[in-house]
Amino acid sequence: MNNPESAFKRLYDIVTTLRGPEGCPWDREQTPNSIRGNLIEEAYECVEAVNEGAIPHIREEIGDVFLLATMFAVMYEEQGAFAVADSLDSISDKLVRRHPHVFADSKADTPDAVIHQWNEIKEKVEGRRKKDSALDGVSRGMPPLERSYKLQKAAAKVGFDWPDHNGPWEKLREEISEAQEACTAANPSQERVEDEIGDILFSVVNVARAHHVNPALALHRALEKFSTRFRHVEKRMAETGQTMEQGKLDAMDVFWNEAKKLGL
C-alpha cells in the first residue's frame, strides 16, 4: 500500500501529464469555470456513497473529489497564481492555527467552545472583517436548498427562531394556503405564484430543520426512492405489454403501489 505522500504525488503527476502538451485533448481544454459544476456533482455522488455505506463506492467517490480538487489546483499552478503545495500548506497552517487547544496550550472542552474560539481566531488573529450580519457567513454560491438551510441555522443562532416545532408547521400551512390562493386566482400573477411557491419551499426547510433533518439529504433520499419506484413501474408496464403514456395513470399507479409494498 502506498503512503499518502507518494499516492498524492502519483495523482499530481498524472493530472499534470494529462494537462501537458502530450496529454489528453479534453483535459487540456478544461478551465476552472468549465469543471466547477463537476466538483458539485462529485461531492453529491460522494454523499450518496456515504449514505449507501458501501466502502468500495465511498473510496471511489472520495478519489473523484480528490481528482477534481487537484485539477483545480494544477490549473491555477499553470497560471502562476499559486502552487498546489501552497494550497495544501495554507489549509494545514489554518488547521493548526485554529486548533490551539490541540496544537498549543489553549483550552476548549466542548464543541461550542471550539466554535467560539474558531470565530475569535478568524477575527482577532487573522484579521478577518467582523460580520455585518449573522447571515454573512452563508455563501450566495450555494445551491438554493442548502443555502436556505444554512441561512435559517445562522438566524437561529442569534435567537431568530420558533420556540418549538409547532411554529414551522403552522407557517407551512399558512404558506400553502396563500400559494393555493395565488395559483387559483382568476388572473394569477406569475410573479406572485413564484413568490408563494418559494415561501412553501423555504417553510418546508424550516420544518425539516425543526426536526433535526438536513433537507438536502432528505430530498436526495426522496429522489432515489422515486427513481427506484418509477423504474419498477416502467419494468412492470413493459412486462404486461403496456406503454408509458397519458391516460395510463391508473395502471401505472397499481405498479407504483406494488413497488411500495415491496419496500422499494
C-alpha atoms as a PDB file:
ATOM      1  CA  MET A   1       0.000   0.000   0.000  1.00  0.00           C
ATOM      2  CA  ASN A   2       1.365   3.421  -0.958  1.00  0.00           C
ATOM      3  CA  ASN A   3       1.754   6.034   1.730  1.00  0.00           C
ATOM      4  CA  PRO A   4      -0.346   9.227   1.387  1.00  0.00           C
ATOM      5  CA  GLU A   5       2.613  11.307   0.167  1.00  0.00           C
ATOM      6  CA  SER A   6       3.531   9.024  -2.728  1.00  0.00           C
ATOM      7  CA  ALA A   7      -0.141   8.394  -3.585  1.00  0.00           C
ATOM      8  CA  PHE A   8      -0.842  12.125  -3.909  1.00  0.00           C
ATOM      9  CA  LYS A   9       2.382  12.641  -5.858  1.00  0.00           C
ATOM     10  CA  ARG A  10       1.225   9.968  -8.306  1.00  0.00           C
ATOM     11  CA  LEU A  11      -2.160  11.672  -8.721  1.00  0.00           C
ATOM     12  CA  TYR A  12      -0.470  15.060  -9.177  1.00  0.00           C
ATOM     13  CA  ASP A  13       1.895  13.655 -11.818  1.00  0.00           C
ATOM     14  CA  ILE A  14      -0.990  12.036 -13.722  1.00  0.00           C
ATOM     15  CA  VAL A  15      -3.014  15.258 -13.731  1.00  0.00           C
ATOM     16  CA  THR A  16      -0.065  17.367 -14.915  1.00  0.00           C
ATOM     17  CA  THR A  17       0.647  14.802 -17.655  1.00  0.00           C
ATOM     18  CA  LEU A  18      -2.975  14.877 -18.816  1.00  0.00           C
ATOM     19  CA  ARG A  19      -2.797  18.691 -18.905  1.00  0.00           C
ATOM     20  CA  GLY A  20       0.590  18.696 -20.694  1.00  0.00           C
ATOM     21  CA  PRO A  21       1.368  19.083 -24.410  1.00  0.00           C
ATOM     22  CA  GLU A  22       1.328  15.314 -24.978  1.00  0.00           C
ATOM     23  CA  GLY A  23      -1.674  14.749 -22.721  1.00  0.00           C
ATOM     24  CA  CYS A  24      -5.411  14.428 -23.274  1.00  0.00           C
ATOM     25  CA  PRO A  25      -7.152  16.963 -25.572  1.00  0.00           C
ATOM     26  CA  TRP A  26     -10.228  17.048 -23.316  1.00  0.00           C
ATOM     27  CA  ASP A  27      -8.242  17.593 -20.124  1.00  0.00           C
ATOM     28  CA  ARG A  28      -6.067  20.282 -21.734  1.00  0.00           C
ATOM     29  CA  GLU A  29      -9.030  22.417 -22.770  1.00  0.00           C
ATOM     30  CA  GLN A  30     -10.687  22.442 -19.337  1.00  0.00           C
ATOM     31  CA  THR A  31     -10.696  25.569 -17.168  1.00  0.00           C
ATOM     32  CA  PRO A  32     -11.762  26.210 -13.554  1.00  0.00           C
ATOM     33  CA  ASN A  33     -15.053  27.583 -14.883  1.00  0.00           C
ATOM     34  CA  SER A  34     -15.718  24.568 -17.089  1.00  0.00           C
ATOM     35  CA  ILE A  35     -15.283  21.985 -14.317  1.00  0.00           C
ATOM     36  CA  ARG A  36     -16.738  23.787 -11.311  1.00  0.00           C
ATOM     37  CA  GLY A  37     -20.072  22.026 -11.856  1.00  0.00           C
ATOM     38  CA  ASN A  38     -18.253  18.692 -11.881  1.00  0.00           C
ATOM     39  CA  LEU A  39     -16.988  19.376  -8.370  1.00  0.00           C
ATOM     40  CA  ILE A  40     -20.523  19.869  -7.084  1.00  0.00           C
ATOM     41  CA  GLU A  41     -21.675  16.718  -8.893  1.00  0.00           C
ATOM     42  CA  GLU A  42     -18.834  14.633  -7.486  1.00  0.00           C
ATOM     43  CA  ALA A  43     -19.488  15.957  -3.976  1.00  0.00           C
ATOM     44  CA  TYR A  44     -23.110  14.822  -4.230  1.00  0.00           C
ATOM     45  CA  GLU A  45     -22.048  11.421  -5.542  1.00  0.00           C
ATOM     46  CA  CYS A  46     -19.693  11.117  -2.590  1.00  0.00           C
ATOM     47  CA  VAL A  47     -22.571  11.899  -0.212  1.00  0.00           C
ATOM     48  CA  GLU A  48     -24.683   9.275  -1.988  1.00  0.00           C
ATOM     49  CA  ALA A  49     -21.935   6.689  -1.499  1.00  0.00           C
ATOM     50  CA  VAL A  50     -21.697   7.539   2.206  1.00  0.00           C
ATOM     51  CA  ASN A  51     -25.467   7.152   2.524  1.00  0.00           C
ATOM     52  CA  GLU A  52     -25.268   3.722   0.896  1.00  0.00           C
ATOM     53  CA  GLY A  53     -22.431   2.694   3.187  1.00  0.00           C
ATOM     54  CA  ALA A  54     -20.626   0.624   0.537  1.00  0.00           C
ATOM     55  CA  ILE A  55     -16.916   1.087   1.290  1.00  0.00           C
ATOM     56  CA  PRO A  56     -15.618   0.421  -2.293  1.00  0.00           C
ATOM     57  CA  HIS A  57     -18.060   3.024  -3.626  1.00  0.00           C
ATOM     58  CA  ILE A  58     -17.102   5.531  -0.920  1.00  0.00           C
ATOM     59  CA  ARG A  59     -13.397   5.024  -1.693  1.00  0.00           C
ATOM     60  CA  GLU A  60     -14.008   5.599  -5.406  1.00  0.00           C
ATOM     61  CA  GLU A  61     -16.097   8.742  -4.918  1.00  0.00           C
ATOM     62  CA  ILE A  62     -13.657  10.288  -2.442  1.00  0.00           C
ATOM     63  CA  GLY A  63     -10.994   9.689  -5.096  1.00  0.00           C
ATOM     64  CA  ASP A  64     -13.109  11.581  -7.637  1.00  0.00           C
ATOM     65  CA  VAL A  65     -13.363  14.546  -5.251  1.00  0.00           C
ATOM     66  CA  PHE A  66      -9.569  14.462  -4.795  1.00  0.00           C
ATOM     67  CA  LEU A  67      -9.183  14.421  -8.578  1.00  0.00           C
ATOM     68  CA  LEU A  68     -11.327  17.499  -9.120  1.00  0.00           C
ATOM     69  CA  ALA A  69      -9.661  19.419  -6.294  1.00  0.00           C
ATOM     70  CA  THR A  70      -6.232  18.526  -7.708  1.00  0.00           C
ATOM     71  CA  MET A  71      -7.254  19.562 -11.231  1.00  0.00           C
ATOM     72  CA  PHE A  72      -8.384  22.952  -9.929  1.00  0.00           C
ATOM     73  CA  ALA A  73      -5.119  23.487  -8.072  1.00  0.00           C
ATOM     74  CA  VAL A  74      -2.993  22.387 -11.045  1.00  0.00           C
ATOM     75  CA  MET A  75      -4.841  24.815 -13.333  1.00  0.00           C
ATOM     76  CA  TYR A  76      -4.038  27.737 -11.045  1.00  0.00           C
ATOM     77  CA  GLU A  77      -0.463  26.487 -10.692  1.00  0.00           C
ATOM     78  CA  GLU A  78      -0.173  26.588 -14.502  1.00  0.00           C
ATOM     79  CA  GLN A  79      -1.333  30.209 -14.435  1.00  0.00           C
ATOM     80  CA  GLY A  80       1.301  31.100 -11.855  1.00  0.00           C
ATOM     81  CA  ALA A  81      -1.385  32.124  -9.360  1.00  0.00           C
ATOM     82  CA  PHE A  82      -0.198  29.711  -6.662  1.00  0.00           C
ATOM     83  CA  ALA A  83       1.368  26.264  -6.386  1.00  0.00           C
ATOM     84  CA  VAL A  84      -0.523  23.148  -5.382  1.00  0.00           C
ATOM     85  CA  ALA A  85       1.784  22.907  -2.360  1.00  0.00           C
ATOM     86  CA  ASP A  86       0.806  26.468  -1.385  1.00  0.00           C
ATOM     87  CA  SER A  87      -2.846  25.462  -1.215  1.00  0.00           C
ATOM     88  CA  LEU A  88      -2.052  22.372   0.885  1.00  0.00           C
ATOM     89  CA  ASP A  89       0.237  24.332   3.202  1.00  0.00           C
ATOM     90  CA  SER A  90      -2.414  27.027   3.557  1.00  0.00           C
ATOM     91  CA  ILE A  91      -5.085  24.645   4.835  1.00  0.00           C
ATOM     92  CA  SER A  92      -2.561  22.889   7.104  1.00  0.00           C
ATOM     93  CA  ASP A  93      -1.487  26.212   8.616  1.00  0.00           C
ATOM     94  CA  LYS A  94      -5.115  27.222   9.114  1.00  0.00           C
ATOM     95  CA  LEU A  95      -5.999  23.966  10.854  1.00  0.00           C
ATOM     96  CA  VAL A  96      -3.076  24.285  13.273  1.00  0.00           C
ATOM     97  CA  ARG A  97      -3.798  27.977  13.892  1.00  0.00           C
ATOM     98  CA  ARG A  98      -7.490  27.415  14.578  1.00  0.00           C
ATOM     99  CA  HIS A  99      -6.951  24.408  16.863  1.00  0.00           C
ATOM    100  CA  PRO A 100      -4.719  25.833  19.598  1.00  0.00           C
ATOM    101  CA  HIS A 101      -6.477  23.514  22.062  1.00  0.00           C
ATOM    102  CA  VAL A 102      -4.830  20.639  20.159  1.00  0.00           C
ATOM    103  CA  PHE A 103      -1.557  22.129  18.883  1.00  0.00           C
ATOM    104  CA  ALA A 104      -0.886  24.727  21.621  1.00  0.00           C
ATOM    105  CA  ASP A 105      -1.943  25.455  25.190  1.00  0.00           C
ATOM    106  CA  SER A 106      -5.455  26.847  24.709  1.00  0.00           C
ATOM    107  CA  LYS A 107      -8.426  25.113  26.336  1.00  0.00           C
ATOM    108  CA  ALA A 108     -11.703  24.251  24.607  1.00  0.00           C
ATOM    109  CA  ASP A 109     -13.523  21.284  26.103  1.00  0.00           C
ATOM    110  CA  THR A 110     -16.839  21.407  24.219  1.00  0.00           C
ATOM    111  CA  PRO A 111     -17.880  21.760  20.561  1.00  0.00           C
ATOM    112  CA  ASP A 112     -19.460  25.163  21.352  1.00  0.00           C
ATOM    113  CA  ALA A 113     -16.227  26.364  22.929  1.00  0.00           C
ATOM    114  CA  VAL A 114     -14.286  25.197  19.878  1.00  0.00           C
ATOM    115  CA  ILE A 115     -16.609  27.102  17.519  1.00  0.00           C
ATOM    116  CA  HIS A 116     -16.364  30.256  19.662  1.00  0.00           C
ATOM    117  CA  GLN A 117     -12.570  30.018  19.688  1.00  0.00           C
ATOM    118  CA  TRP A 118     -12.539  29.363  15.921  1.00  0.00           C
ATOM    119  CA  ASN A 119     -14.501  32.563  15.257  1.00  0.00           C
ATOM    120  CA  GLU A 120     -12.340  34.567  17.686  1.00  0.00           C
ATOM    121  CA  ILE A 121      -9.189  33.468  15.854  1.00  0.00           C
ATOM    122  CA  LYS A 122     -10.687  34.367  12.469  1.00  0.00           C
ATOM    123  CA  GLU A 123     -11.455  37.893  13.651  1.00  0.00           C
ATOM    124  CA  LYS A 124      -8.649  38.751  16.114  1.00  0.00           C
ATOM    125  CA  VAL A 125      -5.707  36.688  14.870  1.00  0.00           C
ATOM    126  CA  GLU A 126      -6.366  36.521  11.139  1.00  0.00           C
ATOM    127  CA  GLY A 127      -7.878  39.992  10.984  1.00  0.00           C
ATOM    128  CA  ARG A 128     -10.968  38.992   9.079  1.00  0.00           C
ATOM    129  CA  ARG A 129     -13.652  41.655   8.972  1.00  0.00           C
ATOM    130  CA  LYS A 130     -16.328  41.172  11.578  1.00  0.00           C
ATOM    131  CA  LYS A 131     -19.624  40.204  10.016  1.00  0.00           C
ATOM    132  CA  ASP A 132     -22.172  42.937   9.488  1.00  0.00           C
ATOM    133  CA  SER A 133     -24.921  40.324   9.629  1.00  0.00           C
ATOM    134  CA  ALA A 134     -25.369  36.881  11.122  1.00  0.00           C
ATOM    135  CA  LEU A 135     -26.034  35.749   7.538  1.00  0.00           C
ATOM    136  CA  ASP A 136     -22.718  36.947   6.077  1.00  0.00           C
ATOM    137  CA  GLY A 137     -21.091  33.556   6.537  1.00  0.00           C
ATOM    138  CA  VAL A 138     -23.512  31.835   4.178  1.00  0.00           C
ATOM    139  CA  SER A 139     -22.238  31.762   0.609  1.00  0.00           C
ATOM    140  CA  ARG A 140     -24.502  33.055  -2.142  1.00  0.00           C
ATOM    141  CA  GLY A 141     -22.966  30.437  -4.411  1.00  0.00           C
ATOM    142  CA  MET A 142     -24.572  27.522  -2.562  1.00  0.00           C
ATOM    143  CA  PRO A 143     -27.475  25.657  -4.175  1.00  0.00           C
ATOM    144  CA  PRO A 144     -30.788  27.230  -3.018  1.00  0.00           C
ATOM    145  CA  LEU A 145     -31.902  24.325  -0.826  1.00  0.00           C
ATOM    146  CA  GLU A 146     -28.623  24.142   1.067  1.00  0.00           C
ATOM    147  CA  ARG A 147     -28.439  27.940   1.310  1.00  0.00           C
ATOM    148  CA  SER A 148     -31.957  28.074   2.801  1.00  0.00           C
ATOM    149  CA  TYR A 149     -30.917  25.605   5.482  1.00  0.00           C
ATOM    150  CA  LYS A 150     -27.714  27.486   6.294  1.00  0.00           C
ATOM    151  CA  LEU A 151     -29.454  30.883   6.404  1.00  0.00           C
ATOM    152  CA  GLN A 152     -32.084  29.558   8.796  1.00  0.00           C
ATOM    153  CA  LYS A 153     -29.453  27.968  11.029  1.00  0.00           C
ATOM    154  CA  ALA A 154     -27.466  31.211  11.104  1.00  0.00           C
ATOM    155  CA  ALA A 155     -30.559  33.212  12.053  1.00  0.00           C
ATOM    156  CA  ALA A 156     -31.499  30.653  14.712  1.00  0.00           C
ATOM    157  CA  LYS A 157     -28.087  31.004  16.380  1.00  0.00           C
ATOM    158  CA  VAL A 158     -28.921  34.602  17.286  1.00  0.00           C
ATOM    159  CA  GLY A 159     -32.407  33.717  18.549  1.00  0.00           C
ATOM    160  CA  PHE A 160     -34.470  34.316  15.402  1.00  0.00           C
ATOM    161  CA  ASP A 161     -36.379  31.053  15.553  1.00  0.00           C
ATOM    162  CA  TRP A 162     -39.571  29.425  16.770  1.00  0.00           C
ATOM    163  CA  PRO A 163     -39.518  28.072  20.335  1.00  0.00           C
ATOM    164  CA  ASP A 164     -40.665  24.621  19.166  1.00  0.00           C
ATOM    165  CA  HIS A 165     -41.592  22.666  16.025  1.00  0.00           C
ATOM    166  CA  ASN A 166     -45.227  23.830  16.057  1.00  0.00           C
ATOM    167  CA  GLY A 167     -44.293  27.222  14.636  1.00  0.00           C
ATOM    168  CA  PRO A 168     -42.739  25.897  11.412  1.00  0.00           C
ATOM    169  CA  TRP A 169     -45.715  23.589  10.834  1.00  0.00           C
ATOM    170  CA  GLU A 170     -48.209  26.429  11.285  1.00  0.00           C
ATOM    171  CA  LYS A 171     -46.177  28.639   8.950  1.00  0.00           C
ATOM    172  CA  LEU A 172     -46.076  25.886   6.328  1.00  0.00           C
ATOM    173  CA  ARG A 173     -49.864  25.507   6.421  1.00  0.00           C
ATOM    174  CA  GLU A 174     -50.209  29.283   6.091  1.00  0.00           C
ATOM    175  CA  GLU A 175     -47.867  29.409   3.092  1.00  0.00           C
ATOM    176  CA  ILE A 176     -49.630  26.504   1.356  1.00  0.00           C
ATOM    177  CA  SER A 177     -52.952  28.311   1.724  1.00  0.00           C
ATOM    178  CA  GLU A 178     -51.526  31.543   0.326  1.00  0.00           C
ATOM    179  CA  ALA A 179     -49.890  29.720  -2.589  1.00  0.00           C
ATOM    180  CA  GLN A 180     -53.085  27.888  -3.450  1.00  0.00           C
ATOM    181  CA  GLU A 181     -54.951  31.174  -3.404  1.00  0.00           C
ATOM    182  CA  ALA A 182     -52.358  32.769  -5.713  1.00  0.00           C
ATOM    183  CA  CYS A 183     -52.391  29.816  -8.132  1.00  0.00           C
ATOM    184  CA  THR A 184     -56.194  29.616  -8.388  1.00  0.00           C
ATOM    185  CA  ALA A 185     -56.852  33.362  -8.739  1.00  0.00           C
ATOM    186  CA  ALA A 186     -58.878  34.492 -11.752  1.00  0.00           C
ATOM    187  CA  ASN A 187     -55.827  36.111 -13.345  1.00  0.00           C
ATOM    188  CA  PRO A 188     -52.873  34.633 -11.488  1.00  0.00           C
ATOM    189  CA  SER A 189     -49.712  36.722 -11.370  1.00  0.00           C
ATOM    190  CA  GLN A 190     -46.758  34.536 -12.325  1.00  0.00           C
ATOM    191  CA  GLU A 191     -44.505  36.615 -10.102  1.00  0.00           C
ATOM    192  CA  ARG A 192     -46.774  36.162  -7.089  1.00  0.00           C
ATOM    193  CA  VAL A 193     -47.161  32.440  -7.767  1.00  0.00           C
ATOM    194  CA  GLU A 194     -43.380  32.109  -7.877  1.00  0.00           C
ATOM    195  CA  ASP A 195     -43.039  34.062  -4.628  1.00  0.00           C
ATOM    196  CA  GLU A 196     -45.626  31.953  -2.824  1.00  0.00           C
ATOM    197  CA  ILE A 197     -44.215  28.640  -4.006  1.00  0.00           C
ATOM    198  CA  GLY A 198     -40.789  29.841  -2.909  1.00  0.00           C
ATOM    199  CA  ASP A 199     -42.245  30.573   0.526  1.00  0.00           C
ATOM    200  CA  ILE A 200     -43.592  26.992   0.686  1.00  0.00           C
ATOM    201  CA  LEU A 201     -40.168  25.553  -0.101  1.00  0.00           C
ATOM    202  CA  PHE A 202     -38.491  27.808   2.445  1.00  0.00           C
ATOM    203  CA  SER A 203     -41.066  26.787   5.059  1.00  0.00           C
ATOM    204  CA  VAL A 204     -40.506  23.091   4.333  1.00  0.00           C
ATOM    205  CA  VAL A 205     -36.811  23.649   5.049  1.00  0.00           C
ATOM    206  CA  ASN A 206     -37.796  25.180   8.391  1.00  0.00           C
ATOM    207  CA  VAL A 207     -39.912  22.131   9.229  1.00  0.00           C
ATOM    208  CA  ALA A 208     -37.004  19.842   8.373  1.00  0.00           C
ATOM    209  CA  ARG A 209     -34.619  21.874  10.498  1.00  0.00           C
ATOM    210  CA  ALA A 210     -37.048  21.856  13.439  1.00  0.00           C
ATOM    211  CA  HIS A 211     -36.923  18.065  13.364  1.00  0.00           C
ATOM    212  CA  HIS A 212     -33.111  17.938  13.000  1.00  0.00           C
ATOM    213  CA  VAL A 213     -33.242  16.774   9.384  1.00  0.00           C
ATOM    214  CA  ASN A 214     -30.927  18.106   6.691  1.00  0.00           C
ATOM    215  CA  PRO A 215     -33.383  18.926   3.860  1.00  0.00           C
ATOM    216  CA  ALA A 216     -30.838  18.318   1.103  1.00  0.00           C
ATOM    217  CA  LEU A 217     -30.163  14.804   2.361  1.00  0.00           C
ATOM    218  CA  ALA A 218     -33.890  14.175   2.855  1.00  0.00           C
ATOM    219  CA  LEU A 219     -34.643  15.306  -0.700  1.00  0.00           C
ATOM    220  CA  HIS A 220     -31.795  13.172  -2.017  1.00  0.00           C
ATOM    221  CA  ARG A 221     -33.347  10.115  -0.359  1.00  0.00           C
ATOM    222  CA  ALA A 222     -36.749  11.003  -1.794  1.00  0.00           C
ATOM    223  CA  LEU A 223     -35.275  11.319  -5.295  1.00  0.00           C
ATOM    224  CA  GLU A 224     -33.607   7.928  -5.027  1.00  0.00           C
ATOM    225  CA  LYS A 225     -36.863   6.398  -3.791  1.00  0.00           C
ATOM    226  CA  PHE A 226     -38.829   7.980  -6.638  1.00  0.00           C
ATOM    227  CA  SER A 227     -36.296   6.776  -9.214  1.00  0.00           C
ATOM    228  CA  THR A 228     -36.354   3.203  -7.902  1.00  0.00           C
ATOM    229  CA  ARG A 229     -40.161   3.024  -7.856  1.00  0.00           C
ATOM    230  CA  PHE A 230     -40.525   4.674 -11.264  1.00  0.00           C
ATOM    231  CA  ARG A 231     -38.102   2.191 -12.813  1.00  0.00           C
ATOM    232  CA  HIS A 232     -40.198  -0.597 -11.285  1.00  0.00           C
ATOM    233  CA  VAL A 233     -43.309   0.888 -12.914  1.00  0.00           C
ATOM    234  CA  GLU A 234     -41.537   1.049 -16.286  1.00  0.00           C
ATOM    235  CA  LYS A 235     -40.403  -2.566 -15.969  1.00  0.00           C
ATOM    236  CA  ARG A 236     -43.828  -3.885 -14.939  1.00  0.00           C
ATOM    237  CA  MET A 237     -45.643  -1.921 -17.641  1.00  0.00           C
ATOM    238  CA  ALA A 238     -43.319  -3.427 -20.246  1.00  0.00           C
ATOM    239  CA  GLU A 239     -43.779  -6.923 -18.796  1.00  0.00           C
ATOM    240  CA  THR A 240     -47.553  -6.597 -19.094  1.00  0.00           C
ATOM    241  CA  GLY A 241     -47.387  -5.247 -22.643  1.00  0.00           C
ATOM    242  CA  GLN A 242     -48.477  -1.728 -21.734  1.00  0.00           C
ATOM    243  CA  THR A 243     -46.924   1.556 -22.822  1.00  0.00           C
ATOM    244  CA  MET A 244     -45.996   4.501 -20.625  1.00  0.00           C
ATOM    245  CA  GLU A 245     -48.263   7.281 -21.879  1.00  0.00           C
ATOM    246  CA  GLN A 246     -51.002   9.722 -20.965  1.00  0.00           C
ATOM    247  CA  GLY A 247     -54.229   8.022 -19.921  1.00  0.00           C
ATOM    248  CA  LYS A 248     -52.476   5.042 -18.329  1.00  0.00           C
ATOM    249  CA  LEU A 249     -52.042   6.565 -14.873  1.00  0.00           C
ATOM    250  CA  ASP A 250     -54.382   4.078 -13.150  1.00  0.00           C
ATOM    251  CA  ALA A 251     -52.373   1.144 -14.476  1.00  0.00           C
ATOM    252  CA  MET A 252     -49.093   2.776 -13.572  1.00  0.00           C
ATOM    253  CA  ASP A 253     -50.366   3.597 -10.104  1.00  0.00           C
ATOM    254  CA  VAL A 254     -51.047  -0.102  -9.477  1.00  0.00           C
ATOM    255  CA  PHE A 255     -47.386  -0.894 -10.084  1.00  0.00           C
ATOM    256  CA  TRP A 256     -46.294   2.144  -8.064  1.00  0.00           C
ATOM    257  CA  ASN A 257     -48.188   0.782  -5.072  1.00  0.00           C
ATOM    258  CA  GLU A 258     -46.702  -2.622  -5.790  1.00  0.00           C
ATOM    259  CA  ALA A 259     -43.235  -1.074  -5.544  1.00  0.00           C
ATOM    260  CA  LYS A 260     -44.147   0.468  -2.192  1.00  0.00           C
ATOM    261  CA  LYS A 261     -45.342  -2.900  -0.853  1.00  0.00           C
ATOM    262  CA  LEU A 262     -42.063  -4.453  -1.991  1.00  0.00           C
ATOM    263  CA  GLY A 263     -40.248  -1.868   0.094  1.00  0.00           C
ATOM    264  CA  LEU A 264     -38.666  -0.166  -2.910  1.00  0.00           C
END
